[in-house]
Amino acid sequence: MMYQREYKQKLKVAMVGIGSHAYRNLLPALNYLPVELCAVCNRSNEEILVNTARQYGCRHYMDSQKMFENEKLDAVFICTPASVQPHIAAQAFAAGVNVFVEKPPAENSEQILQMIKDRGSLVAVAGFKKAFMPATDKAIEIVNNPKYGVPDSILAVYPVKLPDNGKDILKNKEYTKWHKNSCHPLSFMLAVGGKVSYVTSHVGKNSGICIIEFENGIIGNLHLATGPQPNEMYNIYGNSWNVKIDNTTRVIFNRGIPFDYGHTESFISEGEDYGAILWEPQNCLSTLENKALFIQGIYGEMKYFCDCILEKKVPERGSLEFALRVMKVCEAALFSEGKRIKIEEN
């Protein structure tokens, strides 16, 4: 990879929304991207806005429309509440600006459909970081390797609660923590498993599960975890192998061993074609692969967005179409209440 100062070709970009998440993650990630930050925009807290613009040596605005009118931009990174992101994205699209928008890009599937219409031929990527983690890349690589074949099932464990009044939430078009947080494990599951046919959810007193039936026959189980961190885990099960991702930092690919019940005398087989392979970041050096920006997929999603613009290619991972599929599963889980809900393609 290269650092920002090493790129010869750079995109002129702005960032709308410079709150805690953007300041901790998105702005620092620009150090590794082919970009020139021209402006920042924030409609509240003018002092933070001015200080941030001074720090990054760029212009500042409190009105995004004015910014799009005054600046000649290639792209914008939007990191605001989901309630206003579709509006800001529409402004950008109208100005001919490519859009990266934080997850979830909108409050409901109807708004995402409108964003797709507004986008036209421009590039738009939604920041589903779990779909861009290095651990996810390895899982996708294994799943797509014909040597191993399509997995049978996917288990995701994530700390999020499914409300028990889902139909009322959908009817009133409420935006909840379920919308905000379920997209993390769901984006991983859909990135690995593909398109979804049916969703069934069951809600308990303090927890629940979502059964996800993929078009390719994979069965997914999103277990809604409780308790202290770390409690995020993903397991992908094949016929003769499985992959485990623990706390996003530890990936184990278990290929098993030749086994004859009642006769195999050693748990270690000869050669290197069997057994488990372990990947995890090393922390003895102050390098990139052990930083959260990279482990969590933040660099990956933002770099992919920039690459799509520079290489003039249509996004596949993290596209608005992908965001729509994630949101439809999220909404189906709210509507289900124990019933099997079919996911309709637009």
Protein backbone atom coordinates (compact mmCIF):
# COMPACT_ATOMS: atom_id res chain seq x y z
CA MET A 1 0.00 0.00 0.00
CA MET A 2 0.92 3.67 -0.24
CA TYR A 3 0.54 6.67 2.02
CA GLN A 4 -1.45 9.74 1.03
CA ARG A 5 1.68 11.82 0.45
CA GLU A 6 3.04 9.22 -2.01
CA TYR A 7 0.11 9.11 -4.45
CA LYS A 8 0.57 10.99 -7.73
CA GLN A 9 -3.15 10.97 -8.58
CA LYS A 10 -5.48 12.16 -5.84
CA LEU A 11 -9.21 12.67 -5.54
CA LYS A 12 -10.45 16.02 -4.29
CA VAL A 13 -12.72 15.10 -1.38
CA ALA A 14 -14.77 16.60 1.43
CA MET A 15 -16.19 15.15 4.61
CA VAL A 16 -19.67 15.94 5.90
CA GLY A 17 -20.08 15.18 9.60
CA ILE A 18 -16.95 15.40 11.75
CA GLY A 19 -18.22 14.03 15.04
CA SER A 20 -16.50 11.48 17.25
CA HIS A 21 -16.58 8.55 14.80
CA ALA A 22 -15.35 10.57 11.85
CA TYR A 23 -12.61 12.24 13.90
CA ARG A 24 -11.41 8.94 15.42
CA ASN A 25 -11.63 6.81 12.29
CA LEU A 26 -12.49 8.35 8.92
CA LEU A 27 -10.26 11.42 9.04
CA PRO A 28 -7.17 9.47 10.23
CA ALA A 29 -7.80 6.85 7.52
CA LEU A 30 -7.30 9.54 4.87
CA ASN A 31 -3.56 9.31 5.60
CA TYR A 32 -3.54 6.05 3.63
CA LEU A 33 -5.80 7.02 0.72
CA PRO A 34 -5.29 8.75 -2.65
CA VAL A 35 -7.14 11.89 -1.60
CA GLU A 36 -6.76 15.61 -0.98
CA LEU A 37 -9.10 16.87 1.74
CA CYS A 38 -10.50 20.15 0.45
CA ALA A 39 -13.30 20.84 2.92
CA VAL A 40 -15.14 19.67 6.01
CA CYS A 41 -18.78 20.36 6.80
CA ASN A 42 -20.71 20.21 10.06
CA ARG A 43 -24.03 21.86 10.78
CA SER A 44 -23.50 22.06 14.54
CA ASN A 45 -20.62 23.01 16.86
CA GLU A 46 -18.87 25.67 14.81
CA GLU A 47 -15.86 25.69 17.14
CA ILE A 48 -15.07 22.03 16.42
CA LEU A 49 -15.65 22.65 12.72
CA VAL A 50 -13.19 25.55 12.58
CA ASN A 51 -10.59 23.73 14.67
CA THR A 52 -10.81 20.61 12.51
CA ALA A 53 -10.49 22.61 9.30
CA ARG A 54 -7.45 24.38 10.72
CA GLN A 55 -5.90 21.06 11.76
CA TYR A 56 -6.30 19.57 8.27
CA GLY A 57 -5.60 22.78 6.38
CA CYS A 58 -8.89 22.83 4.51
CA ARG A 59 -11.99 24.99 4.16
CA HIS A 60 -15.08 24.59 6.34
CA TYR A 61 -18.83 24.90 5.86
CA MET A 62 -21.97 24.61 7.95
CA ASP A 63 -24.16 24.19 4.86
CA SER A 64 -23.50 21.11 2.70
CA GLN A 65 -25.36 22.53 -0.30
CA LYS A 66 -23.16 25.61 -0.25
CA MET A 67 -20.09 23.40 -0.03
CA PHE A 68 -21.11 21.39 -3.10
CA GLU A 69 -21.73 24.65 -4.99
CA ASN A 70 -18.38 26.20 -4.06
CA GLU A 71 -16.02 23.23 -4.17
CA LYS A 72 -14.92 21.21 -7.19
CA LEU A 73 -15.05 17.75 -5.66
CA ASP A 74 -14.54 14.24 -6.93
CA ALA A 75 -16.01 12.58 -3.85
CA VAL A 76 -17.52 13.14 -0.43
CA PHE A 77 -17.45 11.05 2.74
CA ILE A 78 -20.74 11.39 4.63
CA CYS A 79 -20.75 10.53 8.33
CA THR A 80 -23.95 11.95 9.78
CA PRO A 81 -27.10 10.50 11.36
CA ALA A 82 -28.92 8.11 9.02
CA SER A 83 -31.92 10.47 9.02
CA VAL A 84 -30.07 13.10 6.97
CA GLN A 85 -27.64 11.02 4.93
CA PRO A 86 -30.02 10.41 1.98
CA HIS A 87 -30.60 14.18 1.67
CA ILE A 88 -26.89 15.01 1.70
CA ALA A 89 -26.17 12.16 -0.74
CA ALA A 90 -28.84 13.55 -3.09
CA GLN A 91 -27.12 16.94 -2.98
CA ALA A 92 -23.81 15.31 -3.84
CA PHE A 93 -25.23 13.23 -6.68
CA ALA A 94 -26.92 16.32 -8.14
CA ALA A 95 -23.53 18.07 -8.08
CA GLY A 96 -21.86 15.12 -9.85
CA VAL A 97 -19.96 14.01 -6.75
CA ASN A 98 -19.28 10.35 -5.87
CA VAL A 99 -20.50 9.32 -2.42
CA PHE A 100 -19.21 7.25 0.46
CA VAL A 101 -21.88 7.07 3.16
CA GLU A 102 -21.56 5.56 6.61
CA LYS A 103 -23.65 2.57 7.60
CA PRO A 104 -26.58 2.33 7.49
CA PRO A 105 -26.92 4.80 4.63
CA ALA A 106 -30.57 5.50 5.45
CA GLU A 107 -33.30 4.72 7.96
CA ASN A 108 -35.27 2.32 5.73
CA SER A 109 -35.25 0.47 2.43
CA GLU A 110 -37.47 3.05 0.70
CA GLN A 111 -34.84 5.73 1.25
CA ILE A 112 -32.09 3.47 -0.08
CA LEU A 113 -34.14 2.81 -3.22
CA GLN A 114 -34.39 6.57 -3.75
CA MET A 115 -30.62 6.90 -3.25
CA ILE A 116 -30.09 4.30 -5.99
CA LYS A 117 -32.28 6.37 -8.33
CA ASP A 118 -30.44 9.58 -7.42
CA ARG A 119 -27.00 7.99 -7.90
CA GLY A 120 -27.19 7.56 -11.65
CA SER A 121 -23.80 6.49 -13.02
CA LEU A 122 -21.81 7.84 -10.08
CA VAL A 123 -19.95 5.67 -7.57
CA ALA A 124 -21.60 5.09 -4.20
CA VAL A 125 -20.30 2.85 -1.42
CA ALA A 126 -21.84 2.28 2.01
CA GLY A 127 -19.46 1.89 4.96
CA PHE A 128 -20.25 -1.65 6.08
CA LYS A 129 -16.85 -2.17 7.67
CA LYS A 130 -17.53 -5.81 8.65
CA ALA A 131 -17.82 -6.65 4.95
CA PHE A 132 -14.32 -5.23 4.39
CA MET A 133 -12.38 -6.70 7.32
CA PRO A 134 -9.22 -8.67 6.44
CA ALA A 135 -10.87 -11.57 8.28
CA THR A 136 -13.87 -11.28 5.93
CA ASP A 137 -11.56 -11.22 2.92
CA LYS A 138 -10.05 -14.53 4.05
CA ALA A 139 -13.49 -16.05 4.68
CA ILE A 140 -14.67 -15.02 1.19
CA GLU A 141 -11.48 -16.42 -0.34
CA ILE A 142 -12.07 -19.81 1.28
CA VAL A 143 -15.79 -19.91 0.49
CA ASN A 144 -15.13 -19.11 -3.19
CA ASN A 145 -12.36 -21.71 -3.53
CA PRO A 146 -13.82 -24.68 -5.46
CA LYS A 147 -11.46 -26.93 -3.50
CA TYR A 148 -13.64 -26.46 -0.41
CA GLY A 149 -17.09 -25.86 -1.85
CA VAL A 150 -20.08 -23.81 -0.74
CA PRO A 151 -20.51 -23.84 3.05
CA ASP A 152 -23.52 -25.41 4.69
CA SER A 153 -24.16 -22.82 7.40
CA ILE A 154 -23.02 -19.54 8.95
CA LEU A 155 -23.24 -18.60 12.62
CA ALA A 156 -22.86 -14.96 13.65
CA VAL A 157 -22.76 -13.91 17.30
CA TYR A 158 -23.20 -10.19 17.91
CA PRO A 159 -24.36 -7.98 20.83
CA VAL A 160 -27.58 -6.47 19.49
CA LYS A 161 -31.20 -6.71 20.65
CA LEU A 162 -34.20 -7.22 18.39
CA PRO A 163 -37.25 -5.23 19.58
CA ASP A 164 -40.40 -7.24 20.31
CA ASN A 165 -42.69 -4.63 18.68
CA GLY A 166 -41.15 -4.82 15.23
CA LYS A 167 -44.34 -4.39 13.24
CA ASP A 168 -45.18 -1.16 15.07
CA ILE A 169 -41.64 0.10 14.46
CA LEU A 170 -41.98 -0.56 10.73
CA LYS A 171 -45.47 0.96 10.58
CA ASN A 172 -44.31 4.15 12.30
CA LYS A 173 -41.01 4.21 10.36
CA GLU A 174 -38.99 4.40 13.55
CA TYR A 175 -35.21 4.17 13.49
CA THR A 176 -33.84 1.99 16.28
CA LYS A 177 -30.60 0.54 17.62
CA TRP A 178 -31.53 -2.62 15.73
CA HIS A 179 -31.26 -0.70 12.43
CA LYS A 180 -28.03 0.94 13.53
CA ASN A 181 -26.19 -2.14 14.83
CA SER A 182 -27.64 -5.28 13.21
CA CYS A 183 -26.17 -4.17 9.89
CA HIS A 184 -22.71 -5.10 11.23
CA PRO A 185 -23.21 -8.88 11.51
CA LEU A 186 -25.73 -8.90 8.65
CA SER A 187 -23.27 -7.24 6.29
CA PHE A 188 -20.69 -9.90 7.14
CA MET A 189 -23.19 -12.70 6.60
CA LEU A 190 -24.40 -11.35 3.25
CA ALA A 191 -20.86 -10.60 2.07
CA VAL A 192 -19.96 -14.25 2.67
CA GLY A 193 -23.27 -16.01 1.99
CA GLY A 194 -24.77 -13.93 -0.82
CA LYS A 195 -28.40 -13.01 -1.43
CA VAL A 196 -31.13 -13.98 1.03
CA SER A 197 -34.45 -15.71 0.31
CA TYR A 198 -36.16 -15.92 3.71
CA VAL A 199 -35.80 -14.53 7.24
CA THR A 200 -37.35 -15.80 10.47
CA SER A 201 -36.79 -14.12 13.83
CA HIS A 202 -37.56 -15.26 17.37
CA VAL A 203 -37.39 -12.87 20.31
CA GLY A 204 -36.87 -13.97 23.91
CA LYS A 205 -36.88 -12.02 27.14
CA ASN A 206 -33.47 -10.43 26.63
CA SER A 207 -32.15 -12.05 23.47
CA GLY A 208 -33.20 -13.69 20.23
CA ILE A 209 -32.13 -15.24 16.95
CA CYS A 210 -32.59 -14.59 13.24
CA ILE A 211 -32.65 -17.55 10.89
CA ILE A 212 -31.45 -16.50 7.45
CA GLU A 213 -32.01 -18.72 4.41
CA PHE A 214 -29.67 -17.83 1.55
CA GLU A 215 -30.53 -18.36 -2.12
CA ASN A 216 -27.63 -20.81 -2.51
CA GLY A 217 -28.93 -23.09 0.26
CA ILE A 218 -26.73 -21.84 3.10
CA ILE A 219 -28.51 -21.50 6.44
CA GLY A 220 -27.48 -18.55 8.60
CA ASN A 221 -28.07 -18.04 12.30
CA LEU A 222 -27.61 -14.59 13.80
CA HIS A 223 -27.43 -15.12 17.54
CA LEU A 224 -28.23 -11.91 19.43
CA ALA A 225 -25.67 -12.03 22.22
CA THR A 226 -25.72 -10.46 25.65
CA GLY A 227 -23.02 -10.01 28.26
CA PRO A 228 -19.65 -8.22 28.35
CA GLN A 229 -17.29 -7.79 25.44
CA PRO A 230 -15.77 -9.48 23.57
CA ASN A 231 -18.85 -11.26 22.29
CA GLU A 232 -18.52 -10.98 18.53
CA MET A 233 -17.81 -14.19 16.63
CA TYR A 234 -18.43 -15.71 13.21
CA ASN A 235 -18.33 -19.38 12.19
CA ILE A 236 -18.64 -20.75 8.66
CA TYR A 237 -19.19 -24.49 8.38
CA GLY A 238 -18.39 -26.59 5.32
CA ASN A 239 -18.66 -30.33 4.84
CA SER A 240 -15.00 -31.00 5.66
CA TRP A 241 -13.81 -27.65 7.01
CA ASN A 242 -14.83 -24.63 9.07
CA VAL A 243 -13.66 -21.07 9.60
CA LYS A 244 -13.88 -19.26 12.92
CA ILE A 245 -13.43 -15.50 13.32
CA ASP A 246 -13.12 -14.52 16.97
CA ASN A 247 -13.28 -10.84 18.05
CA THR A 248 -12.40 -9.84 14.43
CA THR A 249 -8.69 -10.45 15.14
CA ARG A 250 -8.31 -14.22 15.17
CA VAL A 251 -9.08 -16.39 12.13
CA ILE A 252 -8.87 -20.17 12.37
CA PHE A 253 -9.28 -22.35 9.27
CA ASN A 254 -9.88 -25.92 10.44
CA ARG A 255 -9.38 -28.55 7.73
CA GLY A 256 -9.69 -31.52 10.05
CA ILE A 257 -7.51 -34.66 9.99
CA PRO A 258 -7.92 -38.14 8.49
CA PHE A 259 -10.03 -39.82 11.14
CA ASP A 260 -11.14 -43.38 11.74
CA TYR A 261 -13.36 -43.66 14.81
CA GLY A 262 -11.88 -46.03 17.35
CA HIS A 263 -8.61 -46.44 15.43
CA THR A 264 -6.95 -43.03 14.87
CA GLU A 265 -4.27 -42.78 17.54
CA SER A 266 -2.92 -39.21 16.99
CA PHE A 267 -4.59 -35.84 16.73
CA ILE A 268 -1.70 -34.64 14.53
CA SER A 269 -1.64 -35.96 10.98
CA GLU A 270 1.42 -36.23 8.75
CA GLY A 271 2.23 -33.46 6.28
CA GLU A 272 0.77 -29.96 5.99
CA ASP A 273 -2.50 -30.60 4.16
CA TYR A 274 -4.59 -31.15 7.28
CA GLY A 275 -5.13 -29.52 10.64
CA ALA A 276 -5.80 -25.87 11.44
CA ILE A 277 -4.25 -22.66 10.13
CA LEU A 278 -4.29 -19.61 12.40
CA TRP A 279 -4.01 -15.95 11.38
CA GLU A 280 -3.85 -13.12 13.92
CA PRO A 281 -2.18 -9.68 14.04
CA GLN A 282 1.21 -9.39 15.67
CA ASN A 283 1.78 -6.61 18.18
CA CYS A 284 5.55 -6.56 18.60
CA LEU A 285 5.91 -3.80 15.99
CA SER A 286 4.08 -0.51 15.51
CA THR A 287 2.81 -1.38 12.03
CA LEU A 288 -0.47 -1.14 10.12
CA GLU A 289 -1.94 -4.65 10.20
CA ASN A 290 -2.54 -4.48 13.97
CA LYS A 291 -4.32 -1.10 13.95
CA ALA A 292 -8.10 -0.97 14.36
CA LEU A 293 -8.47 1.11 11.18
CA PHE A 294 -7.25 -1.91 9.24
CA ILE A 295 -8.52 -4.81 11.39
CA GLN A 296 -12.05 -3.36 11.51
CA GLY A 297 -12.25 -2.79 7.75
CA ILE A 298 -12.42 1.01 7.84
CA TYR A 299 -9.38 1.44 5.61
CA GLY A 300 -10.65 -1.35 3.35
CA GLU A 301 -14.05 0.21 2.71
CA MET A 302 -12.67 3.69 2.08
CA LYS A 303 -9.84 2.46 -0.17
CA TYR A 304 -12.30 0.36 -2.17
CA PHE A 305 -14.46 3.46 -2.73
CA CYS A 306 -11.47 5.46 -3.97
CA ASP A 307 -10.29 2.62 -6.21
CA CYS A 308 -13.73 2.31 -7.82
CA ILE A 309 -13.64 6.00 -8.76
CA LEU A 310 -10.06 6.01 -10.02
CA GLU A 311 -10.45 2.75 -11.93
CA LYS A 312 -13.92 3.70 -13.23
CA LYS A 313 -15.52 0.47 -12.04
CA VAL A 314 -18.96 -0.21 -10.59
CA PRO A 315 -18.83 -1.17 -6.89
CA GLU A 316 -19.93 -4.64 -5.91
CA ARG A 317 -18.99 -4.87 -2.24
CA GLY A 318 -20.75 -2.24 -0.15
CA SER A 319 -22.84 -0.97 -3.06
CA LEU A 320 -26.22 0.65 -2.47
CA GLU A 321 -27.77 -2.53 -3.87
CA PHE A 322 -25.90 -4.47 -1.18
CA ALA A 323 -27.08 -1.93 1.41
CA LEU A 324 -30.66 -2.46 0.23
CA ARG A 325 -30.35 -6.23 0.72
CA VAL A 326 -28.96 -5.73 4.23
CA MET A 327 -31.77 -3.33 5.12
CA LYS A 328 -34.44 -5.70 3.78
CA VAL A 329 -33.13 -8.49 6.02
CA CYS A 330 -33.09 -6.06 8.95
CA GLU A 331 -36.71 -5.06 8.27
CA ALA A 332 -37.84 -8.65 7.66
CA ALA A 333 -36.46 -9.63 11.06
CA LEU A 334 -38.54 -6.87 12.65
CA PHE A 335 -41.67 -7.98 10.79
CA SER A 336 -41.23 -11.74 11.30
CA GLU A 337 -42.22 -12.36 14.93
CA GLY A 338 -41.69 -16.08 14.37
CA LYS A 339 -43.04 -16.22 10.81
CA ARG A 340 -40.97 -16.98 7.72
CA ILE A 341 -40.67 -13.80 5.63
CA LYS A 342 -39.71 -13.86 1.96
CA ILE A 343 -37.18 -11.29 0.76
CA GLU A 344 -38.37 -9.74 -2.48
CA GLU A 345 -35.82 -8.48 -5.02
CA ASN A 346 -36.50 -5.07 -6.60
